[in-house]
Amino acid sequence: MITKKIRIQFVDTDASGRIHYSAIFRYFEIMDHDFFRRIGYSYKKIFQLGYDMPRVHVECSYLGEIGYDDELEAQVSISKVGNSSYTLSFGFYKEDVPVAKGSLTNVFIDRKTGKSVKIPESIKTELIKHLEPVSVE
């Protein structure tokens, strides 16, 4: 599991001062990219290897209030690794209290053909090392 402190930006809030429902997905994206950099496979490197990883499913449940300038602890880990896809799990905490949880599924595709392909073994090995669903209750 990888953790990171994030701070909610003004641009991500609505008129009530709470996070806009869609903005949490930007933080999923930040954590997704950070995760891959930490395991040695930045998105840039994956693109250079000839792969894309489009999102095929994303979901989020809000468990508490998230507002402008809140500092959250964000967690990300791998919850599932398939042949061509993987799923990341996310948990967000404010002062150790869970405020959001979610998941994001990506599929590996060949950049030239646009068809799904098996996850390269070297990347799959790294993903499996981090197989640990985030548990937010």
N, C-alpha and C. Protein backbone atom coordinates (compact mmCIF):
# COMPACT_ATOMS: atom_id res chain seq x y z
N MET A 1 0.84 -1.18 0.00
CA MET A 1 0.00 0.00 0.00
C MET A 1 0.89 1.24 0.00
N ILE A 2 0.49 2.20 -0.77
CA ILE A 2 1.22 3.47 -0.85
C ILE A 2 0.31 4.56 -0.29
N THR A 3 0.88 5.41 0.55
CA THR A 3 0.10 6.51 1.12
C THR A 3 0.74 7.84 0.75
N LYS A 4 -0.10 8.87 0.73
CA LYS A 4 0.38 10.20 0.37
C LYS A 4 -0.58 11.22 0.96
N LYS A 5 -0.06 12.33 1.44
CA LYS A 5 -0.89 13.44 1.92
C LYS A 5 -1.31 14.27 0.72
N ILE A 6 -2.60 14.62 0.68
CA ILE A 6 -3.10 15.51 -0.37
C ILE A 6 -3.92 16.61 0.29
N ARG A 7 -4.00 17.74 -0.36
CA ARG A 7 -4.80 18.85 0.15
C ARG A 7 -5.83 19.21 -0.91
N ILE A 8 -7.09 19.33 -0.50
CA ILE A 8 -8.18 19.63 -1.42
C ILE A 8 -8.06 21.09 -1.87
N GLN A 9 -8.05 21.28 -3.17
CA GLN A 9 -7.89 22.60 -3.77
C GLN A 9 -9.25 23.28 -3.96
N PHE A 10 -9.24 24.61 -3.95
CA PHE A 10 -10.47 25.39 -4.13
C PHE A 10 -11.19 25.02 -5.41
N VAL A 11 -10.44 24.83 -6.49
CA VAL A 11 -11.02 24.52 -7.79
C VAL A 11 -11.81 23.21 -7.76
N ASP A 12 -11.54 22.35 -6.78
CA ASP A 12 -12.21 21.06 -6.69
C ASP A 12 -13.47 21.08 -5.84
N THR A 13 -13.89 22.26 -5.40
CA THR A 13 -15.07 22.34 -4.54
C THR A 13 -16.25 22.97 -5.27
N ASP A 14 -17.43 22.75 -4.71
CA ASP A 14 -18.63 23.35 -5.29
C ASP A 14 -19.04 24.57 -4.46
N ALA A 15 -20.21 25.11 -4.72
CA ALA A 15 -20.66 26.33 -4.04
C ALA A 15 -20.82 26.15 -2.53
N SER A 16 -20.97 24.90 -2.08
CA SER A 16 -21.12 24.65 -0.64
C SER A 16 -19.77 24.56 0.07
N GLY A 17 -18.67 24.59 -0.71
CA GLY A 17 -17.34 24.46 -0.12
C GLY A 17 -16.89 23.02 0.04
N ARG A 18 -17.75 22.08 -0.36
CA ARG A 18 -17.40 20.66 -0.30
C ARG A 18 -16.81 20.23 -1.65
N ILE A 19 -16.08 19.13 -1.61
CA ILE A 19 -15.50 18.63 -2.85
C ILE A 19 -16.62 18.32 -3.85
N HIS A 20 -16.42 18.73 -5.09
CA HIS A 20 -17.37 18.39 -6.15
C HIS A 20 -17.27 16.89 -6.39
N TYR A 21 -18.40 16.24 -6.58
CA TYR A 21 -18.40 14.78 -6.67
C TYR A 21 -17.41 14.23 -7.69
N SER A 22 -17.19 14.93 -8.78
CA SER A 22 -16.30 14.42 -9.82
C SER A 22 -14.82 14.68 -9.53
N ALA A 23 -14.52 15.60 -8.63
CA ALA A 23 -13.13 15.99 -8.40
C ALA A 23 -12.31 14.90 -7.75
N ILE A 24 -12.93 14.02 -7.00
CA ILE A 24 -12.17 12.96 -6.33
C ILE A 24 -11.42 12.12 -7.35
N PHE A 25 -11.96 12.04 -8.58
CA PHE A 25 -11.32 11.22 -9.60
C PHE A 25 -9.97 11.80 -10.03
N ARG A 26 -9.79 13.10 -9.90
CA ARG A 26 -8.46 13.68 -10.16
C ARG A 26 -7.45 13.17 -9.14
N TYR A 27 -7.90 12.99 -7.92
CA TYR A 27 -7.01 12.48 -6.87
C TYR A 27 -6.74 10.99 -7.06
N PHE A 28 -7.72 10.26 -7.60
CA PHE A 28 -7.46 8.87 -8.00
C PHE A 28 -6.33 8.86 -9.02
N GLU A 29 -6.43 9.76 -10.00
CA GLU A 29 -5.44 9.84 -11.08
C GLU A 29 -4.05 10.15 -10.52
N ILE A 30 -3.98 11.10 -9.61
CA ILE A 30 -2.69 11.46 -8.99
C ILE A 30 -2.09 10.24 -8.29
N MET A 31 -2.93 9.53 -7.52
CA MET A 31 -2.44 8.36 -6.80
C MET A 31 -2.06 7.22 -7.75
N ASP A 32 -2.82 7.05 -8.82
CA ASP A 32 -2.54 6.04 -9.83
C ASP A 32 -1.15 6.29 -10.43
N HIS A 33 -0.91 7.50 -10.88
CA HIS A 33 0.38 7.82 -11.49
C HIS A 33 1.52 7.70 -10.48
N ASP A 34 1.29 8.15 -9.25
CA ASP A 34 2.30 8.05 -8.21
C ASP A 34 2.63 6.59 -7.92
N PHE A 35 1.62 5.75 -7.87
CA PHE A 35 1.81 4.32 -7.65
C PHE A 35 2.75 3.74 -8.71
N PHE A 36 2.46 4.01 -9.98
CA PHE A 36 3.27 3.44 -11.05
C PHE A 36 4.70 3.99 -11.05
N ARG A 37 4.87 5.26 -10.74
CA ARG A 37 6.24 5.79 -10.62
C ARG A 37 6.99 5.05 -9.53
N ARG A 38 6.35 4.80 -8.40
CA ARG A 38 7.01 4.15 -7.26
C ARG A 38 7.38 2.70 -7.54
N ILE A 39 6.66 2.03 -8.44
CA ILE A 39 7.03 0.64 -8.75
C ILE A 39 7.96 0.57 -9.98
N GLY A 40 8.40 1.74 -10.46
CA GLY A 40 9.39 1.77 -11.54
C GLY A 40 8.82 1.79 -12.94
N TYR A 41 7.53 2.02 -13.08
CA TYR A 41 6.90 2.04 -14.39
C TYR A 41 6.02 3.27 -14.53
N SER A 42 6.63 4.42 -14.72
CA SER A 42 5.84 5.63 -14.94
C SER A 42 4.97 5.44 -16.17
N TYR A 43 3.91 6.21 -16.24
CA TYR A 43 3.06 6.14 -17.43
C TYR A 43 3.87 6.45 -18.69
N LYS A 44 4.79 7.39 -18.57
CA LYS A 44 5.62 7.73 -19.73
C LYS A 44 6.40 6.50 -20.20
N LYS A 45 6.95 5.75 -19.27
CA LYS A 45 7.69 4.54 -19.62
C LYS A 45 6.76 3.50 -20.25
N ILE A 46 5.57 3.34 -19.68
CA ILE A 46 4.61 2.37 -20.22
C ILE A 46 4.21 2.75 -21.64
N PHE A 47 4.00 4.05 -21.89
CA PHE A 47 3.69 4.51 -23.25
C PHE A 47 4.85 4.20 -24.20
N GLN A 48 6.08 4.44 -23.72
CA GLN A 48 7.25 4.17 -24.55
C GLN A 48 7.40 2.68 -24.87
N LEU A 49 6.89 1.82 -23.98
CA LEU A 49 6.92 0.37 -24.22
C LEU A 49 5.84 -0.06 -25.21
N GLY A 50 4.97 0.88 -25.61
CA GLY A 50 3.96 0.59 -26.62
C GLY A 50 2.57 0.26 -26.08
N TYR A 51 2.33 0.64 -24.81
CA TYR A 51 1.03 0.33 -24.19
C TYR A 51 0.30 1.60 -23.77
N ASP A 52 -1.02 1.49 -23.75
CA ASP A 52 -1.90 2.46 -23.11
C ASP A 52 -2.67 1.69 -22.03
N MET A 53 -3.22 2.43 -21.08
CA MET A 53 -3.99 1.79 -20.01
C MET A 53 -5.27 2.60 -19.77
N PRO A 54 -6.23 2.52 -20.68
CA PRO A 54 -7.46 3.29 -20.48
C PRO A 54 -8.27 2.76 -19.30
N ARG A 55 -9.03 3.68 -18.70
CA ARG A 55 -9.91 3.32 -17.60
C ARG A 55 -11.16 2.66 -18.18
N VAL A 56 -11.56 1.56 -17.58
CA VAL A 56 -12.77 0.88 -18.04
C VAL A 56 -13.86 0.85 -16.97
N HIS A 57 -13.48 1.17 -15.73
CA HIS A 57 -14.46 1.25 -14.65
C HIS A 57 -13.89 2.10 -13.53
N VAL A 58 -14.73 2.97 -12.97
CA VAL A 58 -14.32 3.78 -11.82
C VAL A 58 -15.54 4.00 -10.94
N GLU A 59 -15.32 3.95 -9.62
CA GLU A 59 -16.41 4.20 -8.69
C GLU A 59 -15.88 4.79 -7.41
N CYS A 60 -16.76 5.52 -6.72
CA CYS A 60 -16.38 6.16 -5.47
C CYS A 60 -17.60 6.24 -4.56
N SER A 61 -17.36 5.99 -3.28
CA SER A 61 -18.38 6.19 -2.24
C SER A 61 -17.84 7.24 -1.28
N TYR A 62 -18.68 8.24 -1.00
CA TYR A 62 -18.32 9.26 -0.03
C TYR A 62 -18.84 8.83 1.33
N LEU A 63 -17.97 8.85 2.33
CA LEU A 63 -18.30 8.38 3.67
C LEU A 63 -18.35 9.50 4.69
N GLY A 64 -17.88 10.66 4.31
CA GLY A 64 -17.84 11.81 5.20
C GLY A 64 -17.63 13.08 4.41
N GLU A 65 -17.65 14.20 5.11
CA GLU A 65 -17.49 15.50 4.44
C GLU A 65 -16.03 15.75 4.08
N ILE A 66 -15.83 16.21 2.86
CA ILE A 66 -14.51 16.63 2.38
C ILE A 66 -14.68 18.05 1.88
N GLY A 67 -13.89 18.98 2.40
CA GLY A 67 -14.03 20.38 2.03
C GLY A 67 -12.74 21.01 1.59
N TYR A 68 -12.87 22.23 1.12
CA TYR A 68 -11.72 23.01 0.68
C TYR A 68 -10.66 23.07 1.77
N ASP A 69 -9.42 22.87 1.36
CA ASP A 69 -8.21 22.96 2.18
C ASP A 69 -8.08 21.81 3.18
N ASP A 70 -8.97 20.84 3.15
CA ASP A 70 -8.79 19.66 4.00
C ASP A 70 -7.54 18.90 3.57
N GLU A 71 -6.77 18.47 4.55
CA GLU A 71 -5.64 17.60 4.25
C GLU A 71 -6.10 16.16 4.50
N LEU A 72 -5.92 15.33 3.49
CA LEU A 72 -6.33 13.94 3.57
C LEU A 72 -5.12 13.03 3.43
N GLU A 73 -5.21 11.88 4.05
CA GLU A 73 -4.25 10.83 3.78
C GLU A 73 -4.91 9.94 2.73
N ALA A 74 -4.23 9.80 1.61
CA ALA A 74 -4.75 8.98 0.51
C ALA A 74 -3.96 7.68 0.48
N GLN A 75 -4.66 6.58 0.28
CA GLN A 75 -4.03 5.27 0.18
C GLN A 75 -4.41 4.64 -1.14
N VAL A 76 -3.46 3.92 -1.72
CA VAL A 76 -3.73 3.18 -2.95
C VAL A 76 -3.01 1.84 -2.88
N SER A 77 -3.68 0.82 -3.37
CA SER A 77 -3.07 -0.49 -3.51
C SER A 77 -3.76 -1.22 -4.66
N ILE A 78 -3.26 -2.37 -4.98
CA ILE A 78 -3.85 -3.20 -6.02
C ILE A 78 -4.83 -4.16 -5.37
N SER A 79 -6.06 -4.23 -5.88
CA SER A 79 -7.03 -5.16 -5.32
C SER A 79 -7.28 -6.36 -6.23
N LYS A 80 -6.90 -6.25 -7.50
CA LYS A 80 -7.11 -7.36 -8.43
C LYS A 80 -6.15 -7.23 -9.60
N VAL A 81 -5.59 -8.37 -10.02
CA VAL A 81 -4.74 -8.42 -11.21
C VAL A 81 -5.27 -9.54 -12.09
N GLY A 82 -5.68 -9.18 -13.30
CA GLY A 82 -6.17 -10.17 -14.26
C GLY A 82 -5.15 -10.40 -15.35
N ASN A 83 -5.59 -10.95 -16.48
CA ASN A 83 -4.69 -11.18 -17.61
C ASN A 83 -4.30 -9.88 -18.30
N SER A 84 -5.31 -9.01 -18.54
CA SER A 84 -5.04 -7.77 -19.26
C SER A 84 -5.42 -6.53 -18.46
N SER A 85 -6.06 -6.72 -17.31
CA SER A 85 -6.50 -5.57 -16.52
C SER A 85 -6.09 -5.71 -15.06
N TYR A 86 -6.17 -4.59 -14.36
CA TYR A 86 -5.89 -4.57 -12.93
C TYR A 86 -6.82 -3.53 -12.30
N THR A 87 -7.03 -3.68 -11.01
CA THR A 87 -7.88 -2.74 -10.29
C THR A 87 -7.12 -2.16 -9.11
N LEU A 88 -7.16 -0.85 -9.02
CA LEU A 88 -6.60 -0.12 -7.88
C LEU A 88 -7.71 0.17 -6.89
N SER A 89 -7.40 0.08 -5.59
CA SER A 89 -8.33 0.46 -4.54
C SER A 89 -7.80 1.72 -3.87
N PHE A 90 -8.71 2.60 -3.50
CA PHE A 90 -8.34 3.87 -2.87
C PHE A 90 -9.09 4.06 -1.56
N GLY A 91 -8.42 4.67 -0.61
CA GLY A 91 -9.04 5.09 0.63
C GLY A 91 -8.56 6.49 0.97
N PHE A 92 -9.46 7.33 1.45
CA PHE A 92 -9.13 8.71 1.82
C PHE A 92 -9.58 8.94 3.25
N TYR A 93 -8.69 9.48 4.06
CA TYR A 93 -8.95 9.67 5.49
C TYR A 93 -8.69 11.12 5.89
N LYS A 94 -9.57 11.65 6.74
CA LYS A 94 -9.38 12.98 7.31
C LYS A 94 -9.28 12.77 8.82
N GLU A 95 -8.11 13.09 9.37
CA GLU A 95 -7.85 12.89 10.80
C GLU A 95 -8.19 11.45 11.19
N ASP A 96 -7.70 10.50 10.41
CA ASP A 96 -7.87 9.05 10.64
C ASP A 96 -9.31 8.55 10.48
N VAL A 97 -10.21 9.38 10.02
CA VAL A 97 -11.60 8.98 9.79
C VAL A 97 -11.80 8.79 8.29
N PRO A 98 -12.31 7.63 7.85
CA PRO A 98 -12.52 7.44 6.42
C PRO A 98 -13.58 8.39 5.87
N VAL A 99 -13.25 9.06 4.76
CA VAL A 99 -14.19 10.00 4.14
C VAL A 99 -14.55 9.62 2.70
N ALA A 100 -13.77 8.74 2.09
CA ALA A 100 -14.09 8.28 0.73
C ALA A 100 -13.33 6.99 0.45
N LYS A 101 -13.94 6.17 -0.41
CA LYS A 101 -13.27 4.96 -0.88
C LYS A 101 -13.69 4.74 -2.32
N GLY A 102 -12.84 4.04 -3.06
CA GLY A 102 -13.20 3.80 -4.45
C GLY A 102 -12.26 2.84 -5.13
N SER A 103 -12.51 2.65 -6.42
CA SER A 103 -11.66 1.77 -7.21
C SER A 103 -11.61 2.26 -8.66
N LEU A 104 -10.59 1.79 -9.33
CA LEU A 104 -10.34 2.17 -10.72
C LEU A 104 -9.77 0.95 -11.43
N THR A 105 -10.38 0.55 -12.53
CA THR A 105 -9.89 -0.58 -13.31
C THR A 105 -9.37 -0.07 -14.64
N ASN A 106 -8.16 -0.49 -14.96
CA ASN A 106 -7.50 -0.15 -16.23
C ASN A 106 -7.22 -1.43 -17.00
N VAL A 107 -7.18 -1.32 -18.31
CA VAL A 107 -6.82 -2.46 -19.15
C VAL A 107 -5.62 -2.09 -20.01
N PHE A 108 -4.70 -3.02 -20.18
CA PHE A 108 -3.56 -2.80 -21.05
C PHE A 108 -3.98 -3.01 -22.49
N ILE A 109 -3.64 -2.05 -23.35
CA ILE A 109 -3.89 -2.20 -24.79
C ILE A 109 -2.62 -1.88 -25.56
N ASP A 110 -2.51 -2.46 -26.71
CA ASP A 110 -1.42 -2.18 -27.63
C ASP A 110 -1.71 -0.82 -28.27
N ARG A 111 -0.76 0.09 -28.20
CA ARG A 111 -0.97 1.45 -28.72
C ARG A 111 -1.22 1.45 -30.23
N LYS A 112 -0.64 0.51 -30.95
CA LYS A 112 -0.80 0.49 -32.40
C LYS A 112 -2.14 -0.10 -32.83
N THR A 113 -2.55 -1.18 -32.20
CA THR A 113 -3.77 -1.87 -32.63
C THR A 113 -5.01 -1.43 -31.87
N GLY A 114 -4.82 -0.89 -30.66
CA GLY A 114 -5.95 -0.51 -29.82
C GLY A 114 -6.65 -1.71 -29.19
N LYS A 115 -6.05 -2.88 -29.30
CA LYS A 115 -6.63 -4.12 -28.76
C LYS A 115 -6.00 -4.43 -27.40
N SER A 116 -6.80 -5.07 -26.53
CA SER A 116 -6.26 -5.45 -25.22
C SER A 116 -5.19 -6.52 -25.38
N VAL A 117 -4.22 -6.46 -24.49
CA VAL A 117 -3.10 -7.41 -24.48
C VAL A 117 -2.85 -7.84 -23.04
N LYS A 118 -2.11 -8.92 -22.89
CA LYS A 118 -1.72 -9.37 -21.56
C LYS A 118 -0.82 -8.32 -20.91
N ILE A 119 -0.96 -8.19 -19.61
CA ILE A 119 -0.07 -7.31 -18.86
C ILE A 119 1.34 -7.89 -18.98
N PRO A 120 2.33 -7.09 -19.38
CA PRO A 120 3.70 -7.59 -19.46
C PRO A 120 4.12 -8.21 -18.12
N GLU A 121 4.80 -9.35 -18.17
CA GLU A 121 5.15 -10.10 -16.96
C GLU A 121 5.90 -9.25 -15.94
N SER A 122 6.83 -8.42 -16.39
CA SER A 122 7.61 -7.61 -15.43
C SER A 122 6.71 -6.64 -14.67
N ILE A 123 5.72 -6.08 -15.35
CA ILE A 123 4.78 -5.16 -14.70
C ILE A 123 3.81 -5.95 -13.82
N LYS A 124 3.33 -7.08 -14.32
CA LYS A 124 2.40 -7.90 -13.56
C LYS A 124 3.03 -8.35 -12.24
N THR A 125 4.30 -8.71 -12.28
CA THR A 125 5.01 -9.10 -11.06
C THR A 125 4.99 -7.98 -10.03
N GLU A 126 5.23 -6.75 -10.47
CA GLU A 126 5.21 -5.61 -9.55
C GLU A 126 3.80 -5.35 -9.02
N LEU A 127 2.81 -5.49 -9.87
CA LEU A 127 1.42 -5.29 -9.42
C LEU A 127 1.06 -6.32 -8.35
N ILE A 128 1.42 -7.57 -8.57
CA ILE A 128 1.09 -8.64 -7.63
C ILE A 128 1.76 -8.40 -6.28
N LYS A 129 2.95 -7.81 -6.28
CA LYS A 129 3.64 -7.49 -5.02
C LYS A 129 2.82 -6.54 -4.15
N HIS A 130 1.96 -5.75 -4.76
CA HIS A 130 1.16 -4.75 -4.05
C HIS A 130 -0.32 -5.15 -3.96
N LEU A 131 -0.59 -6.44 -4.13
CA LEU A 131 -1.96 -6.94 -4.07
C LEU A 131 -2.44 -6.93 -2.62
N GLU A 132 -3.22 -5.91 -2.31
CA GLU A 132 -3.71 -5.69 -0.94
C GLU A 132 -4.82 -4.66 -1.00
N PRO A 133 -6.06 -5.12 -1.06
CA PRO A 133 -7.15 -4.15 -1.16
C PRO A 133 -7.15 -3.16 0.01
N VAL A 134 -7.42 -1.91 -0.30
CA VAL A 134 -7.60 -0.91 0.74
C VAL A 134 -8.94 -1.22 1.41
N SER A 135 -8.93 -1.30 2.73
CA SER A 135 -10.15 -1.63 3.46
C SER A 135 -10.63 -0.40 4.21
N VAL A 136 -11.70 0.19 3.71
CA VAL A 136 -12.30 1.37 4.34
C VAL A 136 -13.70 1.00 4.77
N GLU A 137 -13.97 1.09 6.02
CA GLU A 137 -15.31 0.74 6.55
C GLU A 137 -16.04 1.97 6.98
